[in-house]
C-alpha atoms as a PDB file:
ATOM      1  CA  MET A   1      -0.044   0.002  -0.023  1.00  0.00           C
ATOM      2  CA  SER A   2       2.743   2.464   0.768  1.00  0.00           C
ATOM      3  CA  ASP A   3       4.172   1.968  -2.682  1.00  0.00           C
ATOM      4  CA  ALA A   4       0.883   2.978  -4.247  1.00  0.00           C
ATOM      5  CA  ARG A   5       0.764   6.106  -2.087  1.00  0.00           C
ATOM      6  CA  ILE A   6       4.361   7.125  -3.094  1.00  0.00           C
ATOM      7  CA  SER A   7       3.657   6.681  -6.808  1.00  0.00           C
ATOM      8  CA  ASP A   8       0.455   8.574  -6.549  1.00  0.00           C
ATOM      9  CA  GLU A   9       2.369  11.573  -4.957  1.00  0.00           C
ATOM     10  CA  GLU A  10       5.229  11.366  -7.271  1.00  0.00           C
ATOM     11  CA  PRO A  11       3.700  13.357 -10.170  1.00  0.00           C
ATOM     12  CA  ASP A  12       2.495  16.042  -7.788  1.00  0.00           C
ATOM     13  CA  ARG A  13       5.936  16.262  -6.174  1.00  0.00           C
ATOM     14  CA  THR A  14       7.632  16.338  -9.500  1.00  0.00           C
ATOM     15  CA  THR A  15       5.312  19.007 -10.724  1.00  0.00           C
ATOM     16  CA  ARG A  16       5.833  21.118  -7.707  1.00  0.00           C
ATOM     17  CA  LEU A  17       9.535  20.822  -7.981  1.00  0.00           C
ATOM     18  CA  GLU A  18       9.395  21.878 -11.709  1.00  0.00           C
ATOM     19  CA  MET A  19       7.236  24.869 -10.838  1.00  0.00           C
ATOM     20  CA  ARG A  20       9.684  25.860  -8.143  1.00  0.00           C
ATOM     21  CA  MET A  21      12.646  25.543 -10.518  1.00  0.00           C
ATOM     22  CA  ALA A  22      10.833  27.613 -13.172  1.00  0.00           C
ATOM     23  CA  GLU A  23      10.125  30.271 -10.570  1.00  0.00           C
ATOM     24  CA  GLN A  24      13.717  30.282  -9.522  1.00  0.00           C
ATOM     25  CA  GLU A  25      15.022  30.529 -13.027  1.00  0.00           C
ATOM     26  CA  ARG A  26      12.782  33.617 -13.646  1.00  0.00           C
ATOM     27  CA  ALA A  27      13.991  35.201 -10.348  1.00  0.00           C
ATOM     28  CA  VAL A  28      17.616  34.545 -11.374  1.00  0.00           C
ATOM     29  CA  GLU A  29      16.990  36.110 -14.804  1.00  0.00           C
ATOM     30  CA  GLU A  30      15.274  39.228 -13.263  1.00  0.00           C
ATOM     31  CA  LEU A  31      18.179  39.568 -10.782  1.00  0.00           C
ATOM     32  CA  SER A  32      20.732  39.186 -13.464  1.00  0.00           C
ATOM     33  CA  GLY A  33      19.051  41.929 -15.565  1.00  0.00           C
ATOM     34  CA  GLU A  34      18.838  44.229 -12.402  1.00  0.00           C
ATOM     35  CA  VAL A  35      22.608  43.705 -11.679  1.00  0.00           C
ATOM     36  CA  ALA A  36      23.571  44.574 -15.268  1.00  0.00           C
ATOM     37  CA  ARG A  37      21.332  47.701 -15.084  1.00  0.00           C
ATOM     38  CA  GLN A  38      22.931  48.787 -11.784  1.00  0.00           C
ATOM     39  CA  TRP A  39      26.405  48.095 -13.062  1.00  0.00           C
ATOM     40  CA  LYS A  40      25.727  50.627 -15.900  1.00  0.00           C
ATOM     41  CA  VAL A  41      24.488  53.102 -13.435  1.00  0.00           C
ATOM     42  CA  ILE A  42      27.572  52.739 -11.275  1.00  0.00           C
ATOM     43  CA  GLU A  43      29.951  53.098 -14.327  1.00  0.00           C
ATOM     44  CA  LYS A  44      28.065  56.300 -15.265  1.00  0.00           C
ATOM     45  CA  LEU A  45      28.470  57.613 -11.768  1.00  0.00           C
ATOM     46  CA  GLU A  46      32.092  56.798 -11.626  1.00  0.00           C
ATOM     47  CA  ARG A  47      32.602  58.808 -14.822  1.00  0.00           C
ATOM     48  CA  GLN A  48      30.792  61.667 -13.412  1.00  0.00           C
ATOM     49  CA  ALA A  49      32.750  61.550 -10.151  1.00  0.00           C
ATOM     50  CA  GLU A  50      36.026  61.500 -12.226  1.00  0.00           C
ATOM     51  CA  ARG A  51      34.880  64.509 -14.264  1.00  0.00           C
ATOM     52  CA  MET A  52      33.795  66.331 -11.106  1.00  0.00           C
ATOM     53  CA  ALA A  53      37.101  65.728  -9.344  1.00  0.00           C
ATOM     54  CA  GLU A  54      39.077  66.831 -12.515  1.00  0.00           C
ATOM     55  CA  ARG A  55      36.829  69.966 -12.560  1.00  0.00           C
ATOM     56  CA  PHE A  56      37.370  70.699  -8.864  1.00  0.00           C
ATOM     57  CA  LEU A  57      41.163  70.513  -9.162  1.00  0.00           C
ATOM     58  CA  SER A  58      41.269  72.782 -12.136  1.00  0.00           C
ATOM     59  CA  LEU A  59      39.040  75.356 -10.313  1.00  0.00           C
ATOM     60  CA  GLU A  60      41.139  74.985  -7.133  1.00  0.00           C
ATOM     61  CA  GLU A  61      44.356  75.583  -9.282  1.00  0.00           C
ATOM     62  CA  ALA A  62      42.818  78.671 -11.016  1.00  0.00           C
ATOM     63  CA  LEU A  63      41.772  80.171  -7.614  1.00  0.00           C
ATOM     64  CA  ARG A  64      45.124  79.579  -5.865  1.00  0.00           C
ATOM     65  CA  PRO A  65      46.680  82.885  -5.059  1.00  0.00           C
ATOM     66  CA  ALA A  66      49.947  83.710  -6.951  1.00  0.00           C
ATOM     67  CA  PRO A  67      53.026  83.427  -4.713  1.00  0.00           C
ATOM     68  CA  ALA A  68      54.070  86.794  -3.272  1.00  0.00           C
ATOM     69  CA  THR A  69      57.237  88.196  -4.938  1.00  0.00           C
ATOM     70  CA  LYS A  70      59.340  91.026  -3.683  1.00  0.00           C
ATOM     71  CA  PRO A  71      59.315  94.154  -5.828  1.00  0.00           C
ATOM     72  CA  PRO A  72      62.494  94.601  -7.795  1.00  0.00           C
ATOM     73  CA  HIS A  73      63.683  97.467  -5.661  1.00  0.00           C
ATOM     74  CA  TRP A  74      63.915  95.223  -2.501  1.00  0.00           C
END
């Protein structure tokens, strides 16, 4: 009797496992797409940060006071 019960439950169990696997595959695909999208955002932000740092350094250099020099008669 126990063999009949196991064989009756087997298709349900297999179906549930297949459904769970399909859901997990879908979730992995969605997460992979999200990671790829976020990577693009990170790369864009890194480029912006580099440009801002360069701009800041050039502004800082432009605003740096000239060194004081003694007049020629000193």
